[in-house]
């Protein structure tokens, strides 16, 4: 590799990590899902509805934070050969 230049295969790799705000929205939805699931097992309608409410709050956060814009599309991989995958 020539000094100061990137290798061809390292360009346009992108990141799929997402923003912290997107992870917050997903975590809130996961917490709501977990609470509602525990409510189903415990046969508690109160926990089920609390979990459903928390899940909806997470969904609203996801819409506000626009989490779908975190998707990174890699560059096309046309022209790659089998030996490139080793």
N, C-alpha and C. Protein backbone atom coordinates (compact mmCIF):
# COMPACT_ATOMS: atom_id res chain seq x y z
N UNK A 1 0.85 -1.18 0.00
CA UNK A 1 0.00 0.00 0.00
C UNK A 1 0.89 1.24 0.00
N UNK A 2 0.57 2.19 -0.84
CA UNK A 2 1.34 3.42 -0.94
C UNK A 2 0.99 4.30 0.25
N UNK A 3 1.99 4.92 0.85
CA UNK A 3 1.77 5.76 2.00
C UNK A 3 0.87 6.94 1.63
N UNK A 4 -0.13 7.21 2.47
CA UNK A 4 -1.04 8.33 2.23
C UNK A 4 -2.26 7.95 1.40
N UNK A 5 -2.32 6.74 0.89
CA UNK A 5 -3.47 6.31 0.12
C UNK A 5 -4.12 5.12 0.79
N UNK A 6 -5.45 5.08 0.72
CA UNK A 6 -6.18 3.95 1.28
C UNK A 6 -6.17 2.79 0.31
N UNK A 7 -6.20 1.60 0.87
CA UNK A 7 -6.33 0.42 0.02
C UNK A 7 -7.72 0.44 -0.59
N UNK A 8 -7.83 -0.12 -1.77
CA UNK A 8 -9.11 -0.10 -2.49
C UNK A 8 -10.23 -0.78 -1.70
N UNK A 9 -9.92 -1.86 -0.99
CA UNK A 9 -10.96 -2.59 -0.29
C UNK A 9 -11.37 -1.95 1.03
N UNK A 10 -10.71 -0.89 1.49
CA UNK A 10 -11.09 -0.24 2.75
C UNK A 10 -11.94 1.00 2.53
N UNK A 11 -12.14 1.42 1.31
CA UNK A 11 -12.95 2.60 1.05
C UNK A 11 -14.43 2.24 1.10
N UNK A 12 -15.25 3.20 1.55
CA UNK A 12 -16.71 3.08 1.56
C UNK A 12 -17.21 1.91 2.39
N UNK A 13 -16.57 1.60 3.50
CA UNK A 13 -17.07 0.49 4.31
C UNK A 13 -18.23 0.91 5.19
N UNK A 14 -18.30 2.17 5.62
CA UNK A 14 -19.42 2.66 6.39
C UNK A 14 -19.53 2.00 7.75
N UNK A 15 -20.47 2.47 8.55
CA UNK A 15 -20.69 1.94 9.88
C UNK A 15 -22.17 1.66 10.06
N UNK A 16 -22.48 0.57 10.72
CA UNK A 16 -23.87 0.21 10.97
C UNK A 16 -24.22 0.40 12.44
N UNK A 17 -23.41 1.16 13.16
CA UNK A 17 -23.59 1.34 14.60
C UNK A 17 -24.81 2.15 14.98
N UNK A 18 -25.15 3.15 14.24
CA UNK A 18 -26.29 3.99 14.56
C UNK A 18 -25.96 5.06 15.59
N UNK A 19 -26.87 6.00 15.75
CA UNK A 19 -26.69 7.09 16.71
C UNK A 19 -27.16 6.64 18.09
N UNK A 20 -26.71 7.34 19.11
CA UNK A 20 -27.11 7.03 20.49
C UNK A 20 -28.62 7.24 20.68
N UNK A 21 -29.18 8.23 20.03
CA UNK A 21 -30.62 8.48 20.15
C UNK A 21 -31.43 7.32 19.56
N UNK A 22 -30.94 6.74 18.50
CA UNK A 22 -31.64 5.59 17.91
C UNK A 22 -31.57 4.39 18.85
N UNK A 23 -30.41 4.18 19.46
CA UNK A 23 -30.27 3.07 20.41
C UNK A 23 -31.17 3.29 21.63
N UNK A 24 -31.35 4.54 22.04
CA UNK A 24 -32.25 4.83 23.15
C UNK A 24 -33.68 4.42 22.81
N UNK A 25 -34.14 4.78 21.62
CA UNK A 25 -35.50 4.43 21.20
C UNK A 25 -35.67 2.91 21.15
N UNK A 26 -34.70 2.21 20.62
CA UNK A 26 -34.78 0.76 20.53
C UNK A 26 -34.75 0.13 21.92
N UNK A 27 -33.94 0.69 22.82
CA UNK A 27 -33.87 0.17 24.19
C UNK A 27 -35.19 0.36 24.93
N UNK A 28 -35.84 1.50 24.73
CA UNK A 28 -37.14 1.74 25.36
C UNK A 28 -38.16 0.74 24.83
N UNK A 29 -38.15 0.49 23.53
CA UNK A 29 -39.09 -0.49 22.96
C UNK A 29 -38.81 -1.89 23.48
N UNK A 30 -37.54 -2.24 23.60
CA UNK A 30 -37.18 -3.55 24.13
C UNK A 30 -37.61 -3.70 25.58
N UNK A 31 -37.45 -2.64 26.37
CA UNK A 31 -37.89 -2.68 27.77
C UNK A 31 -39.41 -2.86 27.85
N UNK A 32 -40.14 -2.15 27.02
CA UNK A 32 -41.60 -2.30 27.00
C UNK A 32 -42.02 -3.70 26.60
N UNK A 33 -41.35 -4.26 25.61
CA UNK A 33 -41.64 -5.62 25.17
C UNK A 33 -41.38 -6.62 26.29
N UNK A 34 -40.27 -6.41 27.02
CA UNK A 34 -39.91 -7.31 28.11
C UNK A 34 -40.91 -7.23 29.25
N UNK A 35 -41.31 -6.02 29.62
CA UNK A 35 -42.29 -5.86 30.70
C UNK A 35 -43.62 -6.49 30.30
N UNK A 36 -44.07 -6.27 29.06
CA UNK A 36 -45.32 -6.87 28.61
C UNK A 36 -45.22 -8.39 28.56
N UNK A 37 -44.08 -8.91 28.14
CA UNK A 37 -43.89 -10.36 28.12
C UNK A 37 -43.93 -10.95 29.52
N UNK A 38 -43.29 -10.26 30.47
CA UNK A 38 -43.35 -10.72 31.85
C UNK A 38 -44.79 -10.66 32.37
N UNK A 39 -45.53 -9.64 31.96
CA UNK A 39 -46.94 -9.53 32.34
C UNK A 39 -47.77 -10.67 31.79
N UNK A 40 -47.45 -11.13 30.59
CA UNK A 40 -48.16 -12.29 30.03
C UNK A 40 -47.91 -13.54 30.86
N UNK A 41 -46.65 -13.74 31.24
CA UNK A 41 -46.30 -14.93 32.03
C UNK A 41 -46.94 -14.85 33.42
N UNK A 42 -46.93 -13.65 34.00
CA UNK A 42 -47.47 -13.47 35.35
C UNK A 42 -48.99 -13.29 35.35
N UNK A 43 -49.59 -13.27 34.18
CA UNK A 43 -51.02 -13.07 34.01
C UNK A 43 -51.49 -11.78 34.67
N UNK A 44 -50.74 -10.72 34.42
CA UNK A 44 -51.05 -9.41 34.98
C UNK A 44 -51.37 -8.43 33.85
N UNK A 45 -52.64 -8.10 33.73
CA UNK A 45 -53.04 -7.16 32.68
C UNK A 45 -52.42 -5.78 32.89
N UNK A 46 -52.17 -5.43 34.14
CA UNK A 46 -51.55 -4.14 34.43
C UNK A 46 -50.15 -4.07 33.81
N UNK A 47 -49.34 -5.11 34.02
CA UNK A 47 -47.99 -5.13 33.44
C UNK A 47 -48.04 -5.18 31.92
N UNK A 48 -48.99 -5.91 31.38
CA UNK A 48 -49.12 -5.99 29.92
C UNK A 48 -49.37 -4.60 29.33
N UNK A 49 -50.29 -3.84 29.92
CA UNK A 49 -50.62 -2.52 29.39
C UNK A 49 -49.51 -1.51 29.65
N UNK A 50 -48.83 -1.64 30.80
CA UNK A 50 -47.69 -0.75 31.05
C UNK A 50 -46.59 -1.01 30.02
N UNK A 51 -46.30 -2.29 29.77
CA UNK A 51 -45.30 -2.65 28.77
C UNK A 51 -45.70 -2.17 27.39
N UNK A 52 -46.97 -2.32 27.04
CA UNK A 52 -47.44 -1.86 25.73
C UNK A 52 -47.30 -0.34 25.62
N UNK A 53 -47.59 0.37 26.70
CA UNK A 53 -47.45 1.82 26.70
C UNK A 53 -46.00 2.26 26.54
N UNK A 54 -45.10 1.58 27.25
CA UNK A 54 -43.68 1.90 27.13
C UNK A 54 -43.19 1.61 25.71
N UNK A 55 -43.68 0.52 25.12
CA UNK A 55 -43.31 0.18 23.75
C UNK A 55 -43.77 1.27 22.78
N UNK A 56 -44.98 1.77 22.97
CA UNK A 56 -45.50 2.83 22.10
C UNK A 56 -44.68 4.10 22.26
N UNK A 57 -44.29 4.42 23.50
CA UNK A 57 -43.42 5.59 23.73
C UNK A 57 -42.11 5.42 22.97
N UNK A 58 -41.55 4.21 23.00
CA UNK A 58 -40.33 3.95 22.24
C UNK A 58 -40.55 4.10 20.75
N UNK A 59 -41.71 3.69 20.26
CA UNK A 59 -42.03 3.86 18.85
C UNK A 59 -42.14 5.32 18.45
N UNK A 60 -42.73 6.12 19.32
CA UNK A 60 -42.82 7.56 19.06
C UNK A 60 -41.42 8.17 19.05
N UNK A 61 -40.58 7.75 20.01
CA UNK A 61 -39.19 8.23 20.02
C UNK A 61 -38.48 7.85 18.72
N UNK A 62 -38.73 6.64 18.24
CA UNK A 62 -38.10 6.19 17.00
C UNK A 62 -38.53 7.07 15.82
N UNK A 63 -39.79 7.46 15.79
CA UNK A 63 -40.26 8.35 14.73
C UNK A 63 -39.65 9.74 14.85
N UNK A 64 -39.57 10.24 16.08
CA UNK A 64 -39.01 11.58 16.30
C UNK A 64 -37.53 11.61 15.96
N UNK A 65 -36.80 10.56 16.38
CA UNK A 65 -35.36 10.50 16.12
C UNK A 65 -35.04 10.06 14.70
N UNK A 66 -36.04 9.60 13.97
CA UNK A 66 -35.89 9.17 12.57
C UNK A 66 -34.78 8.11 12.46
N UNK A 67 -35.00 6.99 13.15
CA UNK A 67 -33.94 5.98 13.27
C UNK A 67 -33.63 5.28 11.95
N UNK A 68 -34.52 5.34 10.98
CA UNK A 68 -34.26 4.66 9.72
C UNK A 68 -33.21 5.37 8.87
N UNK A 69 -32.84 6.59 9.23
CA UNK A 69 -31.79 7.28 8.49
C UNK A 69 -30.41 6.81 8.92
N UNK A 70 -30.32 5.94 9.92
CA UNK A 70 -29.04 5.41 10.36
C UNK A 70 -28.51 4.33 9.44
N UNK A 71 -29.31 3.85 8.52
CA UNK A 71 -28.89 2.75 7.65
C UNK A 71 -27.80 3.25 6.71
N UNK A 72 -26.70 2.52 6.66
CA UNK A 72 -25.60 2.86 5.78
C UNK A 72 -25.54 1.80 4.69
N UNK A 73 -25.58 2.24 3.46
CA UNK A 73 -25.53 1.31 2.35
C UNK A 73 -24.10 1.29 1.83
N UNK A 74 -23.50 0.11 1.84
CA UNK A 74 -22.13 -0.03 1.36
C UNK A 74 -22.08 0.17 -0.14
N UNK A 75 -20.88 0.43 -0.60
CA UNK A 75 -20.65 0.54 -2.04
C UNK A 75 -20.90 -0.82 -2.68
N UNK A 76 -21.34 -0.85 -3.91
CA UNK A 76 -21.56 -2.13 -4.58
C UNK A 76 -20.29 -2.97 -4.61
N UNK A 77 -20.45 -4.25 -4.50
CA UNK A 77 -19.30 -5.14 -4.47
C UNK A 77 -19.10 -5.84 -5.81
N UNK A 78 -19.43 -5.17 -6.88
CA UNK A 78 -19.25 -5.75 -8.20
C UNK A 78 -17.77 -5.91 -8.49
N UNK A 79 -17.42 -6.98 -9.14
CA UNK A 79 -16.05 -7.19 -9.53
C UNK A 79 -15.20 -7.91 -8.50
N UNK A 80 -15.78 -8.33 -7.39
CA UNK A 80 -15.00 -9.05 -6.39
C UNK A 80 -14.83 -10.49 -6.84
N UNK A 81 -13.69 -11.03 -6.56
CA UNK A 81 -13.37 -12.39 -6.94
C UNK A 81 -13.31 -13.27 -5.70
N UNK A 82 -13.31 -14.57 -5.90
CA UNK A 82 -13.29 -15.51 -4.79
C UNK A 82 -12.03 -15.32 -3.92
N UNK A 83 -10.92 -14.99 -4.52
CA UNK A 83 -9.70 -14.80 -3.74
C UNK A 83 -9.74 -13.54 -2.88
N UNK A 84 -10.66 -12.61 -3.16
CA UNK A 84 -10.80 -11.40 -2.35
C UNK A 84 -11.45 -11.71 -1.00
N UNK A 85 -12.08 -12.85 -0.84
CA UNK A 85 -12.83 -13.18 0.37
C UNK A 85 -12.01 -13.94 1.39
N UNK A 86 -10.75 -14.10 1.18
CA UNK A 86 -9.92 -14.85 2.12
C UNK A 86 -9.40 -13.99 3.20
